[in-house]
Amino acid sequence: MTNQEREQLEERVIMALKTVYDPEIPVDVYELGLIYNVQVNDDASVDITMTLTSPSCPVAESLPEEVRERVAQTSGVANAKVDLTFDPPWTRDMMSEAAMLELGFM
């Protein structure tokens, strides 16, 4: 996989991530800052490191699986894996400017 192909696939993956919403907050998981890392590998597999707004989040089981499925269905992705972490813990500071505007924090 060339660098250009990797970058294009990463862009498609990010677009897919922007279609997954935290059901309690009307902002997608990418803009919300829940996605810590997107790693596109040479074999077109994608590793995602993400967090939740809190460890006791009601969608702790379903949201990471929804992220994995959405990424796995992205054109060009061979397979997807999601690792859930709470280090560092999520804070509002991790949100994009667009998310802060959407939620009225700016």
N, C-alpha and C. Protein backbone atom coordinates (compact mmCIF):
# COMPACT_ATOMS: atom_id res chain seq x y z
N MET A 1 0.85 -1.17 0.00
CA MET A 1 0.00 0.00 0.00
C MET A 1 0.90 1.24 0.00
N THR A 2 0.64 2.13 -0.92
CA THR A 2 1.43 3.37 -0.99
C THR A 2 0.95 4.34 0.09
N ASN A 3 1.76 5.34 0.35
CA ASN A 3 1.37 6.36 1.33
C ASN A 3 0.09 7.06 0.89
N GLN A 4 -0.04 7.33 -0.40
CA GLN A 4 -1.25 7.99 -0.91
C GLN A 4 -2.48 7.10 -0.69
N GLU A 5 -2.34 5.80 -0.96
CA GLU A 5 -3.47 4.88 -0.74
C GLU A 5 -3.83 4.82 0.73
N ARG A 6 -2.81 4.81 1.59
CA ARG A 6 -3.05 4.77 3.04
C ARG A 6 -3.78 6.03 3.49
N GLU A 7 -3.34 7.19 3.00
CA GLU A 7 -3.99 8.46 3.36
C GLU A 7 -5.43 8.51 2.87
N GLN A 8 -5.67 8.02 1.65
CA GLN A 8 -7.04 8.01 1.11
C GLN A 8 -7.93 7.09 1.92
N LEU A 9 -7.40 5.92 2.30
CA LEU A 9 -8.18 4.99 3.11
C LEU A 9 -8.45 5.59 4.48
N GLU A 10 -7.47 6.25 5.07
CA GLU A 10 -7.67 6.88 6.37
C GLU A 10 -8.76 7.95 6.28
N GLU A 11 -8.78 8.72 5.20
CA GLU A 11 -9.83 9.73 5.01
C GLU A 11 -11.21 9.07 4.94
N ARG A 12 -11.32 7.95 4.23
CA ARG A 12 -12.61 7.25 4.14
C ARG A 12 -13.02 6.70 5.50
N VAL A 13 -12.05 6.20 6.26
CA VAL A 13 -12.34 5.69 7.60
C VAL A 13 -12.84 6.82 8.50
N ILE A 14 -12.19 7.97 8.45
CA ILE A 14 -12.62 9.10 9.27
C ILE A 14 -14.02 9.54 8.87
N MET A 15 -14.32 9.55 7.59
CA MET A 15 -15.68 9.89 7.14
C MET A 15 -16.69 8.88 7.70
N ALA A 16 -16.32 7.61 7.74
CA ALA A 16 -17.20 6.59 8.31
C ALA A 16 -17.39 6.82 9.81
N LEU A 17 -16.31 7.17 10.50
CA LEU A 17 -16.40 7.44 11.94
C LEU A 17 -17.33 8.62 12.22
N LYS A 18 -17.37 9.56 11.31
CA LYS A 18 -18.23 10.73 11.49
C LYS A 18 -19.70 10.41 11.28
N THR A 19 -20.03 9.16 10.97
CA THR A 19 -21.44 8.75 10.86
C THR A 19 -21.91 8.00 12.10
N VAL A 20 -21.02 7.84 13.08
CA VAL A 20 -21.36 7.14 14.33
C VAL A 20 -21.54 8.18 15.42
N TYR A 21 -22.70 8.16 16.04
CA TYR A 21 -23.02 9.15 17.07
C TYR A 21 -23.17 8.51 18.43
N ASP A 22 -22.70 9.21 19.44
CA ASP A 22 -23.00 8.84 20.82
C ASP A 22 -24.48 9.13 21.00
N PRO A 23 -25.29 8.15 21.40
CA PRO A 23 -26.73 8.37 21.47
C PRO A 23 -27.18 9.42 22.47
N GLU A 24 -26.32 9.77 23.42
CA GLU A 24 -26.70 10.77 24.42
C GLU A 24 -26.28 12.18 24.04
N ILE A 25 -25.40 12.29 23.04
CA ILE A 25 -24.85 13.60 22.65
C ILE A 25 -24.99 13.71 21.13
N PRO A 26 -25.58 14.77 20.62
CA PRO A 26 -25.83 14.87 19.17
C PRO A 26 -24.60 15.26 18.35
N VAL A 27 -23.47 14.61 18.63
CA VAL A 27 -22.22 14.87 17.93
C VAL A 27 -21.59 13.52 17.62
N ASP A 28 -20.94 13.41 16.44
CA ASP A 28 -20.33 12.13 16.09
C ASP A 28 -19.10 11.85 16.96
N VAL A 29 -18.74 10.56 17.03
CA VAL A 29 -17.66 10.13 17.92
C VAL A 29 -16.31 10.73 17.56
N TYR A 30 -16.10 11.03 16.29
CA TYR A 30 -14.81 11.61 15.87
C TYR A 30 -14.70 13.06 16.37
N GLU A 31 -15.70 13.87 16.09
CA GLU A 31 -15.67 15.28 16.52
C GLU A 31 -15.77 15.39 18.04
N LEU A 32 -16.39 14.42 18.66
CA LEU A 32 -16.52 14.42 20.12
C LEU A 32 -15.17 14.15 20.79
N GLY A 33 -14.22 13.63 20.03
CA GLY A 33 -12.90 13.35 20.58
C GLY A 33 -12.78 11.97 21.20
N LEU A 34 -13.72 11.08 20.89
CA LEU A 34 -13.67 9.74 21.44
C LEU A 34 -12.69 8.83 20.70
N ILE A 35 -12.29 9.24 19.50
CA ILE A 35 -11.35 8.45 18.71
C ILE A 35 -9.95 8.98 18.99
N TYR A 36 -9.13 8.16 19.63
CA TYR A 36 -7.78 8.58 19.98
C TYR A 36 -6.78 8.31 18.86
N ASN A 37 -6.99 7.22 18.10
CA ASN A 37 -6.03 6.88 17.06
C ASN A 37 -6.69 6.04 15.97
N VAL A 38 -6.30 6.33 14.72
CA VAL A 38 -6.70 5.54 13.56
C VAL A 38 -5.41 5.09 12.90
N GLN A 39 -5.18 3.78 12.87
CA GLN A 39 -3.96 3.23 12.27
C GLN A 39 -4.36 2.37 11.08
N VAL A 40 -3.97 2.81 9.87
CA VAL A 40 -4.19 2.02 8.66
C VAL A 40 -2.91 1.25 8.40
N ASN A 41 -3.02 -0.07 8.35
CA ASN A 41 -1.86 -0.93 8.18
C ASN A 41 -1.66 -1.30 6.71
N ASP A 42 -0.47 -1.83 6.40
CA ASP A 42 -0.12 -2.18 5.03
C ASP A 42 -1.08 -3.19 4.40
N ASP A 43 -1.69 -4.04 5.22
CA ASP A 43 -2.62 -5.05 4.70
C ASP A 43 -4.06 -4.53 4.62
N ALA A 44 -4.25 -3.23 4.75
CA ALA A 44 -5.55 -2.54 4.69
C ALA A 44 -6.44 -2.85 5.90
N SER A 45 -5.85 -3.42 6.95
CA SER A 45 -6.59 -3.54 8.19
C SER A 45 -6.49 -2.21 8.92
N VAL A 46 -7.47 -1.94 9.78
CA VAL A 46 -7.50 -0.66 10.49
C VAL A 46 -7.65 -0.94 11.98
N ASP A 47 -6.79 -0.33 12.76
CA ASP A 47 -6.85 -0.41 14.21
C ASP A 47 -7.30 0.94 14.75
N ILE A 48 -8.35 0.91 15.56
CA ILE A 48 -8.91 2.12 16.16
C ILE A 48 -8.71 2.05 17.67
N THR A 49 -8.21 3.12 18.24
CA THR A 49 -8.18 3.25 19.70
C THR A 49 -9.18 4.33 20.05
N MET A 50 -10.11 3.99 20.94
CA MET A 50 -11.15 4.94 21.30
C MET A 50 -11.46 4.86 22.78
N THR A 51 -12.24 5.81 23.23
CA THR A 51 -12.69 5.85 24.60
C THR A 51 -14.18 6.14 24.61
N LEU A 52 -14.73 6.25 25.77
CA LEU A 52 -16.13 6.64 25.97
C LEU A 52 -16.13 7.86 26.89
N THR A 53 -17.26 8.54 26.94
CA THR A 53 -17.33 9.73 27.79
C THR A 53 -17.14 9.37 29.26
N SER A 54 -17.50 8.13 29.64
CA SER A 54 -17.25 7.65 31.00
C SER A 54 -17.25 6.12 30.98
N PRO A 55 -16.55 5.49 31.92
CA PRO A 55 -16.53 4.02 31.97
C PRO A 55 -17.91 3.41 32.19
N SER A 56 -18.82 4.17 32.79
CA SER A 56 -20.16 3.65 33.05
C SER A 56 -21.15 4.05 31.95
N CYS A 57 -20.64 4.44 30.81
CA CYS A 57 -21.47 4.85 29.68
C CYS A 57 -22.45 3.71 29.34
N PRO A 58 -23.74 4.03 29.15
CA PRO A 58 -24.73 2.98 28.86
C PRO A 58 -24.47 2.23 27.55
N VAL A 59 -23.69 2.81 26.64
CA VAL A 59 -23.42 2.15 25.36
C VAL A 59 -21.99 1.58 25.32
N ALA A 60 -21.43 1.29 26.49
CA ALA A 60 -20.06 0.79 26.56
C ALA A 60 -19.86 -0.49 25.76
N GLU A 61 -20.89 -1.30 25.66
CA GLU A 61 -20.79 -2.56 24.90
C GLU A 61 -21.06 -2.33 23.42
N SER A 62 -22.05 -1.52 23.10
CA SER A 62 -22.50 -1.41 21.72
C SER A 62 -21.75 -0.38 20.88
N LEU A 63 -21.31 0.73 21.47
CA LEU A 63 -20.69 1.79 20.67
C LEU A 63 -19.36 1.35 20.03
N PRO A 64 -18.45 0.71 20.78
CA PRO A 64 -17.22 0.25 20.12
C PRO A 64 -17.50 -0.76 18.99
N GLU A 65 -18.49 -1.60 19.16
CA GLU A 65 -18.84 -2.56 18.11
C GLU A 65 -19.43 -1.84 16.90
N GLU A 66 -20.23 -0.81 17.14
CA GLU A 66 -20.76 -0.02 16.02
C GLU A 66 -19.63 0.66 15.26
N VAL A 67 -18.65 1.19 15.98
CA VAL A 67 -17.48 1.80 15.34
C VAL A 67 -16.74 0.76 14.51
N ARG A 68 -16.50 -0.42 15.07
CA ARG A 68 -15.80 -1.48 14.36
C ARG A 68 -16.54 -1.87 13.08
N GLU A 69 -17.84 -2.06 13.19
CA GLU A 69 -18.64 -2.46 12.03
C GLU A 69 -18.61 -1.39 10.94
N ARG A 70 -18.78 -0.14 11.33
CA ARG A 70 -18.82 0.95 10.37
C ARG A 70 -17.48 1.06 9.64
N VAL A 71 -16.38 0.93 10.37
CA VAL A 71 -15.06 1.00 9.75
C VAL A 71 -14.83 -0.22 8.86
N ALA A 72 -15.23 -1.40 9.32
CA ALA A 72 -15.04 -2.63 8.54
C ALA A 72 -15.80 -2.58 7.22
N GLN A 73 -16.92 -1.85 7.18
CA GLN A 73 -17.72 -1.74 5.96
C GLN A 73 -17.21 -0.66 5.01
N THR A 74 -16.19 0.06 5.41
CA THR A 74 -15.64 1.12 4.57
C THR A 74 -14.91 0.51 3.38
N SER A 75 -15.13 1.06 2.21
CA SER A 75 -14.50 0.58 0.99
C SER A 75 -12.98 0.56 1.14
N GLY A 76 -12.38 -0.60 0.87
CA GLY A 76 -10.93 -0.74 0.93
C GLY A 76 -10.41 -1.29 2.23
N VAL A 77 -11.24 -1.37 3.27
CA VAL A 77 -10.80 -1.88 4.57
C VAL A 77 -10.92 -3.40 4.57
N ALA A 78 -9.81 -4.07 4.87
CA ALA A 78 -9.81 -5.54 4.92
C ALA A 78 -10.49 -6.03 6.20
N ASN A 79 -10.16 -5.44 7.33
CA ASN A 79 -10.83 -5.74 8.59
C ASN A 79 -10.53 -4.61 9.57
N ALA A 80 -11.28 -4.59 10.65
CA ALA A 80 -11.14 -3.51 11.62
C ALA A 80 -11.13 -4.07 13.03
N LYS A 81 -10.35 -3.42 13.88
CA LYS A 81 -10.27 -3.80 15.29
C LYS A 81 -10.38 -2.52 16.11
N VAL A 82 -11.12 -2.59 17.21
CA VAL A 82 -11.28 -1.44 18.10
C VAL A 82 -10.75 -1.81 19.47
N ASP A 83 -9.85 -1.00 19.97
CA ASP A 83 -9.37 -1.13 21.34
C ASP A 83 -9.96 0.00 22.15
N LEU A 84 -10.59 -0.35 23.27
CA LEU A 84 -11.21 0.63 24.15
C LEU A 84 -10.24 0.94 25.29
N THR A 85 -10.05 2.23 25.55
CA THR A 85 -9.16 2.65 26.62
C THR A 85 -9.80 3.78 27.41
N PHE A 86 -9.38 3.94 28.63
CA PHE A 86 -9.83 5.07 29.44
C PHE A 86 -8.62 5.87 29.93
N ASP A 87 -7.50 5.70 29.23
CA ASP A 87 -6.28 6.40 29.57
C ASP A 87 -5.73 7.07 28.33
N PRO A 88 -5.77 8.38 28.21
CA PRO A 88 -6.26 9.31 29.23
C PRO A 88 -7.78 9.36 29.23
N PRO A 89 -8.36 9.72 30.35
CA PRO A 89 -9.80 9.86 30.42
C PRO A 89 -10.29 10.97 29.49
N TRP A 90 -11.46 10.77 28.91
CA TRP A 90 -12.04 11.77 28.02
C TRP A 90 -12.45 13.00 28.82
N THR A 91 -12.20 14.18 28.24
CA THR A 91 -12.69 15.44 28.80
C THR A 91 -13.25 16.28 27.66
N ARG A 92 -13.99 17.29 28.00
CA ARG A 92 -14.57 18.19 26.98
C ARG A 92 -13.50 18.84 26.13
N ASP A 93 -12.31 19.00 26.65
CA ASP A 93 -11.22 19.62 25.90
C ASP A 93 -10.83 18.81 24.67
N MET A 94 -11.23 17.56 24.60
CA MET A 94 -10.89 16.70 23.47
C MET A 94 -11.83 16.90 22.28
N MET A 95 -12.91 17.62 22.48
CA MET A 95 -13.87 17.86 21.40
C MET A 95 -13.29 18.83 20.39
N SER A 96 -13.70 18.66 19.14
CA SER A 96 -13.32 19.61 18.11
C SER A 96 -14.07 20.92 18.34
N GLU A 97 -13.59 21.95 17.68
CA GLU A 97 -14.26 23.26 17.77
C GLU A 97 -15.70 23.14 17.25
N ALA A 98 -15.89 22.36 16.18
CA ALA A 98 -17.24 22.18 15.62
C ALA A 98 -18.17 21.53 16.65
N ALA A 99 -17.66 20.54 17.38
CA ALA A 99 -18.48 19.88 18.39
C ALA A 99 -18.81 20.84 19.53
N MET A 100 -17.84 21.65 19.94
CA MET A 100 -18.10 22.61 21.01
C MET A 100 -19.15 23.63 20.58
N LEU A 101 -19.09 24.07 19.34
CA LEU A 101 -20.09 25.00 18.83
C LEU A 101 -21.46 24.34 18.80
N GLU A 102 -21.52 23.11 18.31
CA GLU A 102 -22.78 22.35 18.22
C GLU A 102 -23.44 22.21 19.58
N LEU A 103 -22.62 22.00 20.60
CA LEU A 103 -23.15 21.78 21.96
C LEU A 103 -23.26 23.07 22.76
N GLY A 104 -22.91 24.21 22.17
CA GLY A 104 -23.04 25.48 22.84
C GLY A 104 -21.98 25.77 23.88
N PHE A 105 -20.82 25.15 23.75
CA PHE A 105 -19.73 25.37 24.71
C PHE A 105 -18.83 26.53 24.30
N MET A 106 -19.11 27.16 23.17
CA MET A 106 -18.29 28.29 22.72
C MET A 106 -19.16 29.49 22.48
